[in-house]
C-alpha atoms as a PDB file:
ATOM      1  CA  UNK A   1      74.887  73.963 107.444  1.00  0.00           C
ATOM      2  CA  UNK A   2      72.263  75.004 104.914  1.00  0.00           C
ATOM      3  CA  UNK A   3      68.702  74.118 105.831  1.00  0.00           C
ATOM      4  CA  UNK A   4      66.233  73.222 103.083  1.00  0.00           C
ATOM      5  CA  UNK A   5      62.456  72.935 102.717  1.00  0.00           C
ATOM      6  CA  UNK A   6      60.851  70.638 100.182  1.00  0.00           C
ATOM      7  CA  UNK A   7      58.669  72.905  98.049  1.00  0.00           C
ATOM      8  CA  UNK A   8      57.647  70.761  95.079  1.00  0.00           C
ATOM      9  CA  UNK A   9      58.457  68.123  92.505  1.00  0.00           C
ATOM     10  CA  UNK A  10      59.430  68.115  88.820  1.00  0.00           C
ATOM     11  CA  UNK A  11      56.447  66.605  87.009  1.00  0.00           C
ATOM     12  CA  UNK A  12      57.630  66.397  83.406  1.00  0.00           C
ATOM     13  CA  UNK A  13      59.531  68.128  80.606  1.00  0.00           C
ATOM     14  CA  UNK A  14      57.789  70.961  78.743  1.00  0.00           C
ATOM     15  CA  UNK A  15      58.479  71.738  75.088  1.00  0.00           C
ATOM     16  CA  UNK A  16      61.675  71.312  73.104  1.00  0.00           C
ATOM     17  CA  UNK A  17      63.978  73.848  74.798  1.00  0.00           C
ATOM     18  CA  UNK A  18      64.570  72.054  78.124  1.00  0.00           C
ATOM     19  CA  UNK A  19      61.848  73.564  80.293  1.00  0.00           C
ATOM     20  CA  UNK A  20      60.254  71.480  83.051  1.00  0.00           C
ATOM     21  CA  UNK A  21      56.872  71.563  84.763  1.00  0.00           C
ATOM     22  CA  UNK A  22      57.067  71.815  88.551  1.00  0.00           C
ATOM     23  CA  UNK A  23      54.153  71.126  90.888  1.00  0.00           C
ATOM     24  CA  UNK A  24      54.699  73.374  93.901  1.00  0.00           C
ATOM     25  CA  UNK A  25      53.473  72.538  97.385  1.00  0.00           C
ATOM     26  CA  UNK A  26      50.400  74.680  98.046  1.00  0.00           C
ATOM     27  CA  UNK A  27      52.066  76.407 100.992  1.00  0.00           C
ATOM     28  CA  UNK A  28      54.866  77.765  98.790  1.00  0.00           C
ATOM     29  CA  UNK A  29      53.188  78.332  95.404  1.00  0.00           C
ATOM     30  CA  UNK A  30      52.604  82.034  96.061  1.00  0.00           C
ATOM     31  CA  UNK A  31      56.369  82.556  96.513  1.00  0.00           C
ATOM     32  CA  UNK A  32      57.552  80.482  93.559  1.00  0.00           C
ATOM     33  CA  UNK A  33      58.023  83.399  91.133  1.00  0.00           C
ATOM     34  CA  UNK A  34      60.284  85.131  93.688  1.00  0.00           C
ATOM     35  CA  UNK A  35      62.974  82.436  93.603  1.00  0.00           C
ATOM     36  CA  UNK A  36      66.089  82.846  91.435  1.00  0.00           C
ATOM     37  CA  UNK A  37      67.544  79.428  92.294  1.00  0.00           C
ATOM     38  CA  UNK A  38      65.951  76.083  93.112  1.00  0.00           C
ATOM     39  CA  UNK A  39      67.656  72.995  94.511  1.00  0.00           C
ATOM     40  CA  UNK A  40      66.927  69.578  93.027  1.00  0.00           C
ATOM     41  CA  UNK A  41      67.727  66.441  94.974  1.00  0.00           C
ATOM     42  CA  UNK A  42      70.084  64.284  92.951  1.00  0.00           C
ATOM     43  CA  UNK A  43      72.007  61.310  94.332  1.00  0.00           C
ATOM     44  CA  UNK A  44      71.318  62.326  97.920  1.00  0.00           C
ATOM     45  CA  UNK A  45      72.435  65.945  97.637  1.00  0.00           C
ATOM     46  CA  UNK A  46      70.735  69.265  96.850  1.00  0.00           C
ATOM     47  CA  UNK A  47      72.046  70.613  93.534  1.00  0.00           C
ATOM     48  CA  UNK A  48      71.436  74.345  92.835  1.00  0.00           C
ATOM     49  CA  UNK A  49      69.883  75.321  89.501  1.00  0.00           C
ATOM     50  CA  UNK A  50      69.682  78.950  88.406  1.00  0.00           C
ATOM     51  CA  UNK A  51      66.249  79.853  87.037  1.00  0.00           C
ATOM     52  CA  UNK A  52      66.389  81.727  83.724  1.00  0.00           C
ATOM     53  CA  UNK A  53      62.616  81.827  83.247  1.00  0.00           C
ATOM     54  CA  UNK A  54      59.582  80.902  85.344  1.00  0.00           C
ATOM     55  CA  UNK A  55      55.928  81.191  84.361  1.00  0.00           C
ATOM     56  CA  UNK A  56      52.759  79.995  86.083  1.00  0.00           C
ATOM     57  CA  UNK A  57      50.689  77.367  84.267  1.00  0.00           C
ATOM     58  CA  UNK A  58      48.139  77.102  87.095  1.00  0.00           C
ATOM     59  CA  UNK A  59      47.733  77.969  90.770  1.00  0.00           C
ATOM     60  CA  UNK A  60      50.573  75.674  91.867  1.00  0.00           C
ATOM     61  CA  UNK A  61      52.042  74.548  88.508  1.00  0.00           C
ATOM     62  CA  UNK A  62      55.011  76.343  86.940  1.00  0.00           C
ATOM     63  CA  UNK A  63      57.005  76.088  83.719  1.00  0.00           C
ATOM     64  CA  UNK A  64      60.661  76.595  84.644  1.00  0.00           C
ATOM     65  CA  UNK A  65      63.797  76.990  82.507  1.00  0.00           C
ATOM     66  CA  UNK A  66      67.107  76.345  84.251  1.00  0.00           C
ATOM     67  CA  UNK A  67      70.515  77.568  83.049  1.00  0.00           C
ATOM     68  CA  UNK A  68      72.297  74.713  81.275  1.00  0.00           C
ATOM     69  CA  UNK A  69      69.157  72.618  80.736  1.00  0.00           C
ATOM     70  CA  UNK A  70      68.571  73.180  77.030  1.00  0.00           C
ATOM     71  CA  UNK A  71      67.148  69.963  75.603  1.00  0.00           C
ATOM     72  CA  UNK A  72      64.150  67.703  76.134  1.00  0.00           C
ATOM     73  CA  UNK A  73      66.570  64.919  77.148  1.00  0.00           C
ATOM     74  CA  UNK A  74      68.123  66.981  79.952  1.00  0.00           C
ATOM     75  CA  UNK A  75      64.649  68.018  81.124  1.00  0.00           C
ATOM     76  CA  UNK A  76      63.451  64.386  81.032  1.00  0.00           C
ATOM     77  CA  UNK A  77      66.344  63.415  83.345  1.00  0.00           C
ATOM     78  CA  UNK A  78      64.831  65.751  85.970  1.00  0.00           C
ATOM     79  CA  UNK A  79      61.422  64.052  85.995  1.00  0.00           C
ATOM     80  CA  UNK A  80      60.219  63.206  89.544  1.00  0.00           C
ATOM     81  CA  UNK A  81      63.125  65.002  91.255  1.00  0.00           C
ATOM     82  CA  UNK A  82      62.151  66.700  94.506  1.00  0.00           C
ATOM     83  CA  UNK A  83      62.495  70.487  94.525  1.00  0.00           C
ATOM     84  CA  UNK A  84      63.894  72.305  97.556  1.00  0.00           C
ATOM     85  CA  UNK A  85      64.545  75.877  98.637  1.00  0.00           C
ATOM     86  CA  UNK A  86      66.742  77.298 101.356  1.00  0.00           C
ATOM     87  CA  UNK A  87      64.651  77.678 104.510  1.00  0.00           C
ATOM     88  CA  UNK A  88      65.934  81.250 104.826  1.00  0.00           C
ATOM     89  CA  UNK A  89      64.359  82.103 101.439  1.00  0.00           C
ATOM     90  CA  UNK A  90      60.904  80.741 102.256  1.00  0.00           C
ATOM     91  CA  UNK A  91      58.220  82.544 104.199  1.00  0.00           C
ATOM     92  CA  UNK A  92      56.189  80.163 106.339  1.00  0.00           C
ATOM     93  CA  UNK A  93      52.452  80.601 105.990  1.00  0.00           C
ATOM     94  CA  UNK A  94      49.339  78.949 107.295  1.00  0.00           C
ATOM     95  CA  UNK A  95      48.092  77.472 104.004  1.00  0.00           C
ATOM     96  CA  UNK A  96      49.840  74.145 104.617  1.00  0.00           C
ATOM     97  CA  UNK A  97      47.878  71.590 106.623  1.00  0.00           C
ATOM     98  CA  UNK A  98      50.425  70.021 108.975  1.00  0.00           C
ATOM     99  CA  UNK A  99      47.995  67.503 110.550  1.00  0.00           C
ATOM    100  CA  UNK A 100      49.390  63.965 110.365  1.00  0.00           C
ATOM    101  CA  UNK A 101      52.997  65.084 109.916  1.00  0.00           C
ATOM    102  CA  UNK A 102      55.610  63.319 112.036  1.00  0.00           C
ATOM    103  CA  UNK A 103      57.802  65.664 114.045  1.00  0.00           C
ATOM    104  CA  UNK A 104      61.414  64.484 114.352  1.00  0.00           C
ATOM    105  CA  UNK A 105      64.642  65.816 115.787  1.00  0.00           C
ATOM    106  CA  UNK A 106      67.671  66.428 113.600  1.00  0.00           C
ATOM    107  CA  UNK A 107      69.000  63.085 114.941  1.00  0.00           C
ATOM    108  CA  UNK A 108      65.975  61.256 113.476  1.00  0.00           C
ATOM    109  CA  UNK A 109      64.206  60.690 116.819  1.00  0.00           C
ATOM    110  CA  UNK A 110      60.418  60.864 116.499  1.00  0.00           C
ATOM    111  CA  UNK A 111      58.859  63.309 118.947  1.00  0.00           C
ATOM    112  CA  UNK A 112      55.261  62.689 117.890  1.00  0.00           C
ATOM    113  CA  UNK A 113      52.536  63.374 115.355  1.00  0.00           C
ATOM    114  CA  UNK A 114      50.915  66.722 114.607  1.00  0.00           C
ATOM    115  CA  UNK A 115      47.241  66.379 115.584  1.00  0.00           C
ATOM    116  CA  UNK A 116      46.226  70.043 115.251  1.00  0.00           C
ATOM    117  CA  UNK A 117      47.572  73.455 114.401  1.00  0.00           C
ATOM    118  CA  UNK A 118      46.610  76.826 115.822  1.00  0.00           C
ATOM    119  CA  UNK A 119      47.300  80.146 114.185  1.00  0.00           C
ATOM    120  CA  UNK A 120      48.186  83.004 116.476  1.00  0.00           C
ATOM    121  CA  UNK A 121      49.158  86.415 115.141  1.00  0.00           C
ATOM    122  CA  UNK A 122      52.894  85.672 115.281  1.00  0.00           C
ATOM    123  CA  UNK A 123      53.104  82.130 113.876  1.00  0.00           C
ATOM    124  CA  UNK A 124      51.560  78.674 113.725  1.00  0.00           C
ATOM    125  CA  UNK A 125      51.520  76.528 116.873  1.00  0.00           C
ATOM    126  CA  UNK A 126      51.651  72.782 116.218  1.00  0.00           C
ATOM    127  CA  UNK A 127      49.863  70.493 118.655  1.00  0.00           C
ATOM    128  CA  UNK A 128      52.037  67.365 118.751  1.00  0.00           C
ATOM    129  CA  UNK A 129      50.966  64.133 120.419  1.00  0.00           C
ATOM    130  CA  UNK A 130      53.669  61.737 121.619  1.00  0.00           C
ATOM    131  CA  UNK A 131      53.380  57.952 121.612  1.00  0.00           C
ATOM    132  CA  UNK A 132      52.486  58.088 125.317  1.00  0.00           C
ATOM    133  CA  UNK A 133      49.587  60.462 124.638  1.00  0.00           C
ATOM    134  CA  UNK A 134      51.219  63.662 125.917  1.00  0.00           C
ATOM    135  CA  UNK A 135      50.496  66.857 123.991  1.00  0.00           C
ATOM    136  CA  UNK A 136      53.134  69.490 123.304  1.00  0.00           C
ATOM    137  CA  UNK A 137      52.678  72.923 121.758  1.00  0.00           C
ATOM    138  CA  UNK A 138      55.506  73.659 119.337  1.00  0.00           C
ATOM    139  CA  UNK A 139      55.850  77.008 117.528  1.00  0.00           C
ATOM    140  CA  UNK A 140      56.473  76.522 113.807  1.00  0.00           C
ATOM    141  CA  UNK A 141      59.169  79.134 113.304  1.00  0.00           C
ATOM    142  CA  UNK A 142      62.152  79.283 110.960  1.00  0.00           C
ATOM    143  CA  UNK A 143      64.631  79.257 113.867  1.00  0.00           C
ATOM    144  CA  UNK A 144      63.493  75.728 114.835  1.00  0.00           C
ATOM    145  CA  UNK A 145      62.676  74.259 111.420  1.00  0.00           C
ATOM    146  CA  UNK A 146      65.441  72.305 109.699  1.00  0.00           C
ATOM    147  CA  UNK A 147      63.321  70.916 106.868  1.00  0.00           C
ATOM    148  CA  UNK A 148      59.778  70.063 105.918  1.00  0.00           C
ATOM    149  CA  UNK A 149      59.412  67.033 103.664  1.00  0.00           C
ATOM    150  CA  UNK A 150      55.844  67.337 102.451  1.00  0.00           C
ATOM    151  CA  UNK A 151      55.936  64.145 100.362  1.00  0.00           C
ATOM    152  CA  UNK A 152      56.979  62.119 103.453  1.00  0.00           C
ATOM    153  CA  UNK A 153      54.694  64.104 105.821  1.00  0.00           C
ATOM    154  CA  UNK A 154      57.713  64.801 107.998  1.00  0.00           C
ATOM    155  CA  UNK A 155      58.952  67.878 109.873  1.00  0.00           C
ATOM    156  CA  UNK A 156      62.501  67.939 111.191  1.00  0.00           C
ATOM    157  CA  UNK A 157      63.130  70.544 113.869  1.00  0.00           C
ATOM    158  CA  UNK A 158      65.846  71.589 116.302  1.00  0.00           C
ATOM    159  CA  UNK A 159      63.890  72.452 119.435  1.00  0.00           C
ATOM    160  CA  UNK A 160      65.354  74.524 122.264  1.00  0.00           C
ATOM    161  CA  UNK A 161      66.329  72.637 125.403  1.00  0.00           C
ATOM    162  CA  UNK A 162      63.413  72.313 127.810  1.00  0.00           C
ATOM    163  CA  UNK A 163      60.614  73.067 125.318  1.00  0.00           C
ATOM    164  CA  UNK A 164      59.203  69.533 125.619  1.00  0.00           C
ATOM    165  CA  UNK A 165      59.315  69.800 129.428  1.00  0.00           C
ATOM    166  CA  UNK A 166      56.760  72.615 129.540  1.00  0.00           C
END
């Protein structure tokens, strides 16, 4: 199963040739020019779009041309679509503020809320508080992360057995 991270949103069309403006999540903006394909969420599924051209318009704003999107009408149809990338293609960094994010299992069970994050040399450690007030320290690593939905302030992770018992 492919795992995706939400990395931005289509803001609006740009020009007359089908380009769109994408607002990237701050945590992923520095990697945006490295992507050759982006995935847009349409009708509940992630649809791949091959990038033919990408240019920065600001720190986290990009003008993007996709193969097959060649008119203002096609670009307009993409307005407000969420933009995703394969988790394996994204490098996690510490620029994202995870405080307030809900941590859930892949089954949709809420583990708790991120109340702090600590950066050690290897990766970010999330401090997650459960409903009962317990605190758990969860490493934010690609092996555990299924998806990060920044707009919903939600992290979905597959945690190893016993991690929450520590």
